[in-house]
Amino acid sequence: MRSSKSVVSVAVLTMVVVMGVSACSGTRNRTKLAYEERPVELLYNTGYQRLESRRWSDAVDYFQEVERQHPYSEWARRAILMQIYAHYQNGAYTDAIAASDRFIQLFPGNPSAAYAFYMRAVCNFEQIVDVGRDQAYSEAALLGLRDVIRRYPGTPYATDARVKIDMVNDQLAGKEMNIGRYYQRANQPLAAVNRYKAVIDNQDFQRTSHTAEALYRLVEVNLMMGLTEEATRNGAVLGHNYPGSPWYAEAYALLAQRGQTPEVAPTGQRESWLRRIIPG
């Protein structure tokens, strides 16, 4: 999930004031930056020039040297922020999270701590994998994004966090649906019902793209178990909330076959199983 790069770029330019970037030539290759006492302005500005050249690892070396030679200074504070940004742009999310944690620990009351909290959440967000795998990053991203909204309401960080929270919830709901379908195929209907109900009953999941399918699957599974009344009830809820959904058209057809035609007729087109597998 790499939709955050532009937001992060704007954020770092807003939160980090560059200090005298014109003072350096910076021609060193990235081998191993040996310890050598140099003016802090030289180290910082060389790192910033590497950043502008998109030489992310080289930039990190110089900003780390600023932090090492001038700890707890204003330069060190800014250098840590730049390390977060460079690590993130380089795809080194674990290192970016570590730098964010370090900034939060050292400067918890600084206004730029908002950026560190936001980046820690975004780095977990960027590592979210498909619904068939462990969702530890999704859970970590969700906690971090909620923390940003709680700590910094009304900021651009909170605004972006709300958008990402909806995306994470869609991912987690998709995970529940994936497990539910597995149980359904394995002829374990009760286990499947529990997963589908988790999507419907969770208020955070109710706004996701999976709710209509979850209701349809409940119709399917309840009919499989002979619970026609429960299937009809779920079909009615599906028809009331999603009358134009292809999932409701499918549910309506299933119920009609059992003589349980819902009151609300579907307004959308029934979608074939092949079209659901291969859209378009």
C-alpha atoms as a PDB file:
ATOM      1  CA  MET A   1       0.000   0.000   0.000  1.00  0.00           C
ATOM      2  CA  ARG A   2       2.051   2.923  -1.256  1.00  0.00           C
ATOM      3  CA  SER A   3      -0.576   5.662  -1.473  1.00  0.00           C
ATOM      4  CA  SER A   4       1.039   7.671   1.346  1.00  0.00           C
ATOM      5  CA  LYS A   5       4.207   8.938  -0.352  1.00  0.00           C
ATOM      6  CA  SER A   6       2.815  12.309  -1.417  1.00  0.00           C
ATOM      7  CA  VAL A   7       1.238  12.943   1.997  1.00  0.00           C
ATOM      8  CA  VAL A   8       4.502  12.108   3.729  1.00  0.00           C
ATOM      9  CA  SER A   9       6.503  14.322   1.365  1.00  0.00           C
ATOM     10  CA  VAL A  10       4.265  17.318   2.080  1.00  0.00           C
ATOM     11  CA  ALA A  11       4.385  16.532   5.794  1.00  0.00           C
ATOM     12  CA  VAL A  12       8.146  16.438   6.053  1.00  0.00           C
ATOM     13  CA  LEU A  13       8.501  19.706   4.165  1.00  0.00           C
ATOM     14  CA  THR A  14       5.960  21.288   6.477  1.00  0.00           C
ATOM     15  CA  MET A  15       7.353  19.980   9.746  1.00  0.00           C
ATOM     16  CA  VAL A  16      11.104  20.193   9.091  1.00  0.00           C
ATOM     17  CA  VAL A  17      12.670  23.597   8.490  1.00  0.00           C
ATOM     18  CA  VAL A  18      15.889  23.210   6.524  1.00  0.00           C
ATOM     19  CA  MET A  19      18.847  24.982   8.075  1.00  0.00           C
ATOM     20  CA  GLY A  20      21.301  26.594   5.650  1.00  0.00           C
ATOM     21  CA  VAL A  21      21.299  23.971   2.919  1.00  0.00           C
ATOM     22  CA  SER A  22      23.467  26.030   0.619  1.00  0.00           C
ATOM     23  CA  ALA A  23      26.651  25.612   2.659  1.00  0.00           C
ATOM     24  CA  CYS A  24      27.855  22.228   1.426  1.00  0.00           C
ATOM     25  CA  SER A  25      29.340  20.533  -1.610  1.00  0.00           C
ATOM     26  CA  GLY A  26      28.995  16.858  -0.508  1.00  0.00           C
ATOM     27  CA  THR A  27      30.860  14.622  -2.971  1.00  0.00           C
ATOM     28  CA  ARG A  28      31.549  11.648  -0.674  1.00  0.00           C
ATOM     29  CA  ASN A  29      30.559   8.214  -2.003  1.00  0.00           C
ATOM     30  CA  ARG A  30      28.598   5.939   0.260  1.00  0.00           C
ATOM     31  CA  THR A  31      31.153   3.482   1.507  1.00  0.00           C
ATOM     32  CA  LYS A  32      31.292   3.684   5.260  1.00  0.00           C
ATOM     33  CA  LEU A  33      31.117   7.047   6.888  1.00  0.00           C
ATOM     34  CA  ALA A  34      34.100   7.111   9.233  1.00  0.00           C
ATOM     35  CA  TYR A  35      33.965   9.139  12.417  1.00  0.00           C
ATOM     36  CA  GLU A  36      35.471  12.553  11.859  1.00  0.00           C
ATOM     37  CA  GLU A  37      34.572  15.717  13.668  1.00  0.00           C
ATOM     38  CA  ARG A  38      33.018  18.113  11.203  1.00  0.00           C
ATOM     39  CA  PRO A  39      30.886  21.218  11.566  1.00  0.00           C
ATOM     40  CA  VAL A  40      27.308  20.220  12.230  1.00  0.00           C
ATOM     41  CA  GLU A  41      26.082  22.435   9.400  1.00  0.00           C
ATOM     42  CA  LEU A  42      28.327  20.532   6.974  1.00  0.00           C
ATOM     43  CA  LEU A  43      27.054  17.139   8.102  1.00  0.00           C
ATOM     44  CA  TYR A  44      23.400  18.172   8.051  1.00  0.00           C
ATOM     45  CA  ASN A  45      23.526  19.954   4.724  1.00  0.00           C
ATOM     46  CA  THR A  46      25.386  17.092   3.068  1.00  0.00           C
ATOM     47  CA  GLY A  47      22.677  14.750   4.315  1.00  0.00           C
ATOM     48  CA  TYR A  48      20.020  17.065   2.959  1.00  0.00           C
ATOM     49  CA  GLN A  49      21.683  17.209  -0.438  1.00  0.00           C
ATOM     50  CA  ARG A  50      21.771  13.402  -0.517  1.00  0.00           C
ATOM     51  CA  LEU A  51      18.086  13.486   0.339  1.00  0.00           C
ATOM     52  CA  GLU A  52      17.307  15.806  -2.550  1.00  0.00           C
ATOM     53  CA  SER A  53      19.260  13.466  -4.846  1.00  0.00           C
ATOM     54  CA  ARG A  54      17.136  10.543  -3.591  1.00  0.00           C
ATOM     55  CA  ARG A  55      20.232   8.842  -2.212  1.00  0.00           C
ATOM     56  CA  TRP A  56      18.300   7.715   0.838  1.00  0.00           C
ATOM     57  CA  SER A  57      20.921   5.481   2.482  1.00  0.00           C
ATOM     58  CA  ASP A  58      23.659   8.060   2.054  1.00  0.00           C
ATOM     59  CA  ALA A  59      21.406  10.708   3.576  1.00  0.00           C
ATOM     60  CA  VAL A  60      20.742   8.486   6.581  1.00  0.00           C
ATOM     61  CA  ASP A  61      24.495   8.097   7.164  1.00  0.00           C
ATOM     62  CA  TYR A  62      25.005  11.841   7.435  1.00  0.00           C
ATOM     63  CA  PHE A  63      21.936  12.459   9.577  1.00  0.00           C
ATOM     64  CA  GLN A  64      23.014   9.663  11.925  1.00  0.00           C
ATOM     65  CA  GLU A  65      26.412  11.315  12.169  1.00  0.00           C
ATOM     66  CA  VAL A  66      24.726  14.585  13.134  1.00  0.00           C
ATOM     67  CA  GLU A  67      22.866  12.759  15.873  1.00  0.00           C
ATOM     68  CA  ARG A  68      25.979  10.948  17.056  1.00  0.00           C
ATOM     69  CA  GLN A  69      28.270  13.984  17.191  1.00  0.00           C
ATOM     70  CA  HIS A  70      25.682  16.463  18.458  1.00  0.00           C
ATOM     71  CA  PRO A  71      23.156  14.512  20.584  1.00  0.00           C
ATOM     72  CA  TYR A  72      20.198  16.320  22.150  1.00  0.00           C
ATOM     73  CA  SER A  73      20.825  19.398  20.019  1.00  0.00           C
ATOM     74  CA  GLU A  74      18.360  21.121  17.721  1.00  0.00           C
ATOM     75  CA  TRP A  75      20.343  19.703  14.820  1.00  0.00           C
ATOM     76  CA  ALA A  76      19.969  16.173  16.199  1.00  0.00           C
ATOM     77  CA  ARG A  77      16.220  16.634  16.564  1.00  0.00           C
ATOM     78  CA  ARG A  78      15.887  17.644  12.927  1.00  0.00           C
ATOM     79  CA  ALA A  79      18.278  14.906  11.819  1.00  0.00           C
ATOM     80  CA  ILE A  80      16.095  12.208  13.382  1.00  0.00           C
ATOM     81  CA  LEU A  81      13.069  13.524  11.498  1.00  0.00           C
ATOM     82  CA  MET A  82      15.067  13.399   8.285  1.00  0.00           C
ATOM     83  CA  GLN A  83      16.122   9.826   9.041  1.00  0.00           C
ATOM     84  CA  ILE A  84      12.477   8.835   9.421  1.00  0.00           C
ATOM     85  CA  TYR A  85      11.697  10.329   6.048  1.00  0.00           C
ATOM     86  CA  ALA A  86      14.730   8.829   4.280  1.00  0.00           C
ATOM     87  CA  HIS A  87      14.156   5.351   5.710  1.00  0.00           C
ATOM     88  CA  TYR A  88      10.513   5.519   4.666  1.00  0.00           C
ATOM     89  CA  GLN A  89      11.310   6.597   1.122  1.00  0.00           C
ATOM     90  CA  ASN A  90      13.878   3.799   0.921  1.00  0.00           C
ATOM     91  CA  GLY A  91      11.293   1.209   1.982  1.00  0.00           C
ATOM     92  CA  ALA A  92      13.183   0.532   5.227  1.00  0.00           C
ATOM     93  CA  TYR A  93      10.030   0.616   7.320  1.00  0.00           C
ATOM     94  CA  THR A  94      11.474  -1.120  10.390  1.00  0.00           C
ATOM     95  CA  ASP A  95      14.266   1.461  10.563  1.00  0.00           C
ATOM     96  CA  ALA A  96      11.777   4.299  10.052  1.00  0.00           C
ATOM     97  CA  ILE A  97       9.664   2.978  12.938  1.00  0.00           C
ATOM     98  CA  ALA A  98      12.755   2.741  15.150  1.00  0.00           C
ATOM     99  CA  ALA A  99      13.702   6.339  14.336  1.00  0.00           C
ATOM    100  CA  SER A 100      10.118   7.453  15.034  1.00  0.00           C
ATOM    101  CA  ASP A 101      10.171   5.704  18.404  1.00  0.00           C
ATOM    102  CA  ARG A 102      13.485   7.356  19.229  1.00  0.00           C
ATOM    103  CA  PHE A 103      12.155  10.807  18.405  1.00  0.00           C
ATOM    104  CA  ILE A 104       9.007  10.226  20.490  1.00  0.00           C
ATOM    105  CA  GLN A 105      11.115   9.056  23.422  1.00  0.00           C
ATOM    106  CA  LEU A 106      13.546  11.984  23.236  1.00  0.00           C
ATOM    107  CA  PHE A 107      11.147  14.789  22.284  1.00  0.00           C
ATOM    108  CA  PRO A 108       7.629  13.753  23.338  1.00  0.00           C
ATOM    109  CA  GLY A 109       6.382  17.315  23.760  1.00  0.00           C
ATOM    110  CA  ASN A 110       7.834  18.712  20.557  1.00  0.00           C
ATOM    111  CA  PRO A 111       5.305  19.748  17.878  1.00  0.00           C
ATOM    112  CA  SER A 112       7.113  17.498  15.379  1.00  0.00           C
ATOM    113  CA  ALA A 113       6.216  14.472  17.506  1.00  0.00           C
ATOM    114  CA  ALA A 114       2.956  14.451  15.529  1.00  0.00           C
ATOM    115  CA  TYR A 115       4.973  13.568  12.437  1.00  0.00           C
ATOM    116  CA  ALA A 116       6.786  10.766  14.275  1.00  0.00           C
ATOM    117  CA  PHE A 117       3.530   9.242  15.551  1.00  0.00           C
ATOM    118  CA  TYR A 118       2.004   9.520  12.077  1.00  0.00           C
ATOM    119  CA  MET A 119       5.004   7.955  10.346  1.00  0.00           C
ATOM    120  CA  ARG A 120       5.113   5.062  12.789  1.00  0.00           C
ATOM    121  CA  ALA A 121       1.517   4.249  11.880  1.00  0.00           C
ATOM    122  CA  VAL A 122       2.059   4.760   8.146  1.00  0.00           C
ATOM    123  CA  CYS A 123       5.076   2.438   8.080  1.00  0.00           C
ATOM    124  CA  ASN A 124       2.907  -0.355   9.489  1.00  0.00           C
ATOM    125  CA  PHE A 125       0.189   0.577   7.000  1.00  0.00           C
ATOM    126  CA  GLU A 126       2.631   0.250   4.092  1.00  0.00           C
ATOM    127  CA  GLN A 127       3.476  -3.305   5.145  1.00  0.00           C
ATOM    128  CA  ILE A 128      -0.084  -4.638   5.116  1.00  0.00           C
ATOM    129  CA  VAL A 129      -0.243  -7.873   3.139  1.00  0.00           C
ATOM    130  CA  ASP A 130      -3.088  -9.664   1.362  1.00  0.00           C
ATOM    131  CA  VAL A 131      -6.035 -11.001   3.352  1.00  0.00           C
ATOM    132  CA  GLY A 132      -4.788 -14.562   3.104  1.00  0.00           C
ATOM    133  CA  ARG A 133      -1.857 -13.854   5.412  1.00  0.00           C
ATOM    134  CA  ASP A 134      -1.297 -12.713   8.986  1.00  0.00           C
ATOM    135  CA  GLN A 135      -2.720  -9.256   9.638  1.00  0.00           C
ATOM    136  CA  ALA A 136      -0.318  -8.133  12.388  1.00  0.00           C
ATOM    137  CA  TYR A 137       0.658  -5.039  10.410  1.00  0.00           C
ATOM    138  CA  SER A 138      -3.008  -4.182   9.891  1.00  0.00           C
ATOM    139  CA  GLU A 139      -3.640  -4.339  13.631  1.00  0.00           C
ATOM    140  CA  ALA A 140      -0.534  -2.270  14.403  1.00  0.00           C
ATOM    141  CA  ALA A 141      -1.469   0.298  11.758  1.00  0.00           C
ATOM    142  CA  LEU A 142      -5.000   0.569  13.130  1.00  0.00           C
ATOM    143  CA  LEU A 143      -3.757   1.206  16.674  1.00  0.00           C
ATOM    144  CA  GLY A 144      -1.236   3.768  15.466  1.00  0.00           C
ATOM    145  CA  LEU A 145      -3.692   5.636  13.236  1.00  0.00           C
ATOM    146  CA  ARG A 146      -6.249   5.835  16.030  1.00  0.00           C
ATOM    147  CA  ASP A 147      -3.530   7.176  18.317  1.00  0.00           C
ATOM    148  CA  VAL A 148      -2.740   9.938  15.804  1.00  0.00           C
ATOM    149  CA  ILE A 149      -6.408  10.978  15.685  1.00  0.00           C
ATOM    150  CA  ARG A 150      -6.650  10.942  19.490  1.00  0.00           C
ATOM    151  CA  ARG A 151      -3.479  12.962  20.042  1.00  0.00           C
ATOM    152  CA  TYR A 152      -3.664  15.380  17.119  1.00  0.00           C
ATOM    153  CA  PRO A 153      -7.306  15.955  16.110  1.00  0.00           C
ATOM    154  CA  GLY A 154      -7.884  18.579  13.478  1.00  0.00           C
ATOM    155  CA  THR A 155      -4.449  18.152  11.886  1.00  0.00           C
ATOM    156  CA  PRO A 156      -3.731  16.932   8.339  1.00  0.00           C
ATOM    157  CA  TYR A 157      -2.253  13.823   9.956  1.00  0.00           C
ATOM    158  CA  ALA A 158      -5.588  13.013  11.589  1.00  0.00           C
ATOM    159  CA  THR A 159      -7.453  13.640   8.346  1.00  0.00           C
ATOM    160  CA  ASP A 160      -5.249  11.205   6.442  1.00  0.00           C
ATOM    161  CA  ALA A 161      -5.376   8.717   9.331  1.00  0.00           C
ATOM    162  CA  ARG A 162      -9.173   8.546   9.088  1.00  0.00           C
ATOM    163  CA  VAL A 163      -8.960   7.622   5.408  1.00  0.00           C
ATOM    164  CA  LYS A 164      -6.385   4.941   6.124  1.00  0.00           C
ATOM    165  CA  ILE A 165      -8.441   3.546   9.008  1.00  0.00           C
ATOM    166  CA  ASP A 166     -11.296   2.848   6.588  1.00  0.00           C
ATOM    167  CA  MET A 167      -8.835   1.039   4.316  1.00  0.00           C
ATOM    168  CA  VAL A 168      -7.439  -1.022   7.202  1.00  0.00           C
ATOM    169  CA  ASN A 169     -10.932  -1.959   8.371  1.00  0.00           C
ATOM    170  CA  ASP A 170     -11.758  -3.106   4.850  1.00  0.00           C
ATOM    171  CA  GLN A 171      -8.639  -5.270   4.947  1.00  0.00           C
ATOM    172  CA  LEU A 172      -9.527  -6.802   8.327  1.00  0.00           C
ATOM    173  CA  ALA A 173     -13.124  -7.419   7.249  1.00  0.00           C
ATOM    174  CA  GLY A 174     -11.753  -9.107   4.118  1.00  0.00           C
ATOM    175  CA  LYS A 175      -9.707 -11.394   6.348  1.00  0.00           C
ATOM    176  CA  GLU A 176     -12.846 -12.441   8.243  1.00  0.00           C
ATOM    177  CA  MET A 177     -14.634 -13.098   4.952  1.00  0.00           C
ATOM    178  CA  ASN A 178     -11.718 -15.163   3.677  1.00  0.00           C
ATOM    179  CA  ILE A 179     -11.810 -17.377   6.757  1.00  0.00           C
ATOM    180  CA  GLY A 180     -15.602 -17.619   6.603  1.00  0.00           C
ATOM    181  CA  ARG A 181     -15.504 -18.813   3.004  1.00  0.00           C
ATOM    182  CA  TYR A 182     -12.890 -21.405   3.951  1.00  0.00           C
ATOM    183  CA  TYR A 183     -15.131 -22.809   6.692  1.00  0.00           C
ATOM    184  CA  GLN A 184     -18.104 -22.761   4.348  1.00  0.00           C
ATOM    185  CA  ARG A 185     -16.214 -24.756   1.705  1.00  0.00           C
ATOM    186  CA  ALA A 186     -15.046 -27.158   4.434  1.00  0.00           C
ATOM    187  CA  ASN A 187     -18.685 -27.801   5.388  1.00  0.00           C
ATOM    188  CA  GLN A 188     -18.321 -26.139   8.795  1.00  0.00           C
ATOM    189  CA  PRO A 189     -21.328 -23.801   8.591  1.00  0.00           C
ATOM    190  CA  LEU A 190     -21.403 -22.692  12.238  1.00  0.00           C
ATOM    191  CA  ALA A 191     -17.796 -21.544  12.103  1.00  0.00           C
ATOM    192  CA  ALA A 192     -18.540 -19.732   8.842  1.00  0.00           C
ATOM    193  CA  VAL A 193     -21.585 -18.011  10.364  1.00  0.00           C
ATOM    194  CA  ASN A 194     -19.464 -16.662  13.215  1.00  0.00           C
ATOM    195  CA  ARG A 195     -17.021 -15.060  10.765  1.00  0.00           C
ATOM    196  CA  TYR A 196     -19.735 -13.528   8.607  1.00  0.00           C
ATOM    197  CA  LYS A 197     -21.536 -12.168  11.672  1.00  0.00           C
ATOM    198  CA  ALA A 198     -18.267 -10.617  12.854  1.00  0.00           C
ATOM    199  CA  VAL A 199     -18.287  -8.488   9.697  1.00  0.00           C
ATOM    200  CA  ILE A 200     -21.928  -7.485  10.097  1.00  0.00           C
ATOM    201  CA  ASP A 201     -21.900  -6.827  13.844  1.00  0.00           C
ATOM    202  CA  ASN A 202     -18.639  -4.859  13.994  1.00  0.00           C
ATOM    203  CA  GLN A 203     -19.515  -1.177  13.526  1.00  0.00           C
ATOM    204  CA  ASP A 204     -16.117  -0.466  12.000  1.00  0.00           C
ATOM    205  CA  PHE A 205     -16.665  -3.182   9.393  1.00  0.00           C
ATOM    206  CA  GLN A 206     -20.200  -2.132   8.509  1.00  0.00           C
ATOM    207  CA  ARG A 207     -18.871   0.662   6.273  1.00  0.00           C
ATOM    208  CA  THR A 208     -16.607  -1.669   4.319  1.00  0.00           C
ATOM    209  CA  SER A 209     -17.169  -3.243   0.920  1.00  0.00           C
ATOM    210  CA  HIS A 210     -17.694  -6.683   2.465  1.00  0.00           C
ATOM    211  CA  THR A 211     -20.969  -6.193   4.339  1.00  0.00           C
ATOM    212  CA  ALA A 212     -23.294  -7.041   1.443  1.00  0.00           C
ATOM    213  CA  GLU A 213     -21.430 -10.259   0.696  1.00  0.00           C
ATOM    214  CA  ALA A 214     -21.432 -11.217   4.390  1.00  0.00           C
ATOM    215  CA  LEU A 215     -25.239 -10.956   4.457  1.00  0.00           C
ATOM    216  CA  TYR A 216     -25.487 -12.987   1.266  1.00  0.00           C
ATOM    217  CA  ARG A 217     -23.211 -15.686   2.694  1.00  0.00           C
ATOM    218  CA  LEU A 218     -25.437 -15.871   5.779  1.00  0.00           C
ATOM    219  CA  VAL A 219     -28.390 -16.519   3.488  1.00  0.00           C
ATOM    220  CA  GLU A 220     -26.408 -19.289   1.787  1.00  0.00           C
ATOM    221  CA  VAL A 221     -25.175 -20.924   4.974  1.00  0.00           C
ATOM    222  CA  ASN A 222     -28.496 -20.750   6.799  1.00  0.00           C
ATOM    223  CA  LEU A 223     -30.236 -22.350   3.827  1.00  0.00           C
ATOM    224  CA  MET A 224     -27.526 -25.003   3.876  1.00  0.00           C
ATOM    225  CA  MET A 225     -28.416 -25.738   7.528  1.00  0.00           C
ATOM    226  CA  GLY A 226     -32.155 -25.675   6.824  1.00  0.00           C
ATOM    227  CA  LEU A 227     -32.695 -22.432   8.763  1.00  0.00           C
ATOM    228  CA  THR A 228     -35.013 -20.865   6.218  1.00  0.00           C
ATOM    229  CA  GLU A 229     -36.456 -18.246   8.564  1.00  0.00           C
ATOM    230  CA  GLU A 230     -32.994 -16.969   9.538  1.00  0.00           C
ATOM    231  CA  ALA A 231     -31.923 -16.954   5.893  1.00  0.00           C
ATOM    232  CA  THR A 232     -35.028 -14.938   4.975  1.00  0.00           C
ATOM    233  CA  ARG A 233     -34.321 -12.432   7.730  1.00  0.00           C
ATOM    234  CA  ASN A 234     -30.762 -11.901   6.520  1.00  0.00           C
ATOM    235  CA  GLY A 235     -32.022 -11.576   2.979  1.00  0.00           C
ATOM    236  CA  ALA A 236     -34.484  -8.889   4.063  1.00  0.00           C
ATOM    237  CA  VAL A 237     -31.701  -6.923   5.763  1.00  0.00           C
ATOM    238  CA  LEU A 238     -29.572  -7.258   2.638  1.00  0.00           C
ATOM    239  CA  GLY A 239     -32.437  -6.076   0.428  1.00  0.00           C
ATOM    240  CA  HIS A 240     -33.241  -3.129   2.670  1.00  0.00           C
ATOM    241  CA  ASN A 241     -29.657  -1.858   2.772  1.00  0.00           C
ATOM    242  CA  TYR A 242     -28.326  -2.963  -0.616  1.00  0.00           C
ATOM    243  CA  PRO A 243     -31.267  -3.372  -3.036  1.00  0.00           C
ATOM    244  CA  GLY A 244     -29.037  -2.664  -6.038  1.00  0.00           C
ATOM    245  CA  SER A 245     -26.245  -5.043  -5.052  1.00  0.00           C
ATOM    246  CA  PRO A 246     -25.574  -8.127  -7.174  1.00  0.00           C
ATOM    247  CA  TRP A 247     -25.267  -9.977  -3.872  1.00  0.00           C
ATOM    248  CA  TYR A 248     -28.902  -9.200  -3.127  1.00  0.00           C
ATOM    249  CA  ALA A 249     -29.949 -10.354  -6.586  1.00  0.00           C
ATOM    250  CA  GLU A 250     -28.238 -13.681  -5.839  1.00  0.00           C
ATOM    251  CA  ALA A 251     -29.842 -13.927  -2.407  1.00  0.00           C
ATOM    252  CA  TYR A 252     -33.268 -13.068  -3.820  1.00  0.00           C
ATOM    253  CA  ALA A 253     -32.950 -15.873  -6.388  1.00  0.00           C
ATOM    254  CA  LEU A 254     -31.880 -18.398  -3.729  1.00  0.00           C
ATOM    255  CA  LEU A 255     -34.767 -17.516  -1.424  1.00  0.00           C
ATOM    256  CA  ALA A 256     -37.279 -17.521  -4.284  1.00  0.00           C
ATOM    257  CA  GLN A 257     -36.257 -21.079  -5.089  1.00  0.00           C
ATOM    258  CA  ARG A 258     -37.305 -22.015  -1.542  1.00  0.00           C
ATOM    259  CA  GLY A 259     -40.614 -20.173  -1.805  1.00  0.00           C
ATOM    260  CA  GLN A 260     -39.420 -17.338   0.413  1.00  0.00           C
ATOM    261  CA  THR A 261     -39.523 -14.392  -1.965  1.00  0.00           C
ATOM    262  CA  PRO A 262     -38.501 -11.211  -0.083  1.00  0.00           C
ATOM    263  CA  GLU A 263     -40.782  -8.174  -0.242  1.00  0.00           C
ATOM    264  CA  VAL A 264     -38.116  -5.934  -1.780  1.00  0.00           C
ATOM    265  CA  ALA A 265     -37.302  -6.805  -5.373  1.00  0.00           C
ATOM    266  CA  PRO A 266     -33.659  -6.365  -6.396  1.00  0.00           C
ATOM    267  CA  THR A 267     -32.944  -3.226  -8.399  1.00  0.00           C
ATOM    268  CA  GLY A 268     -29.552  -4.430  -9.634  1.00  0.00           C
ATOM    269  CA  GLN A 269     -28.561  -7.175 -12.019  1.00  0.00           C
ATOM    270  CA  ARG A 270     -27.858 -10.682 -10.842  1.00  0.00           C
ATOM    271  CA  GLU A 271     -24.149 -11.435 -11.130  1.00  0.00           C
ATOM    272  CA  SER A 272     -23.058 -14.853 -12.340  1.00  0.00           C
ATOM    273  CA  TRP A 273     -20.513 -16.843 -10.355  1.00  0.00           C
ATOM    274  CA  LEU A 274     -18.089 -16.572 -13.289  1.00  0.00           C
ATOM    275  CA  ARG A 275     -18.338 -12.782 -13.361  1.00  0.00           C
ATOM    276  CA  ARG A 276     -17.600 -12.600  -9.638  1.00  0.00           C
ATOM    277  CA  ILE A 277     -14.444 -14.654 -10.191  1.00  0.00           C
ATOM    278  CA  ILE A 278     -13.355 -12.815 -13.342  1.00  0.00           C
ATOM    279  CA  PRO A 279     -14.731  -9.241 -13.208  1.00  0.00           C
ATOM    280  CA  GLY A 280     -15.513  -7.756 -16.583  1.00  0.00           C
END
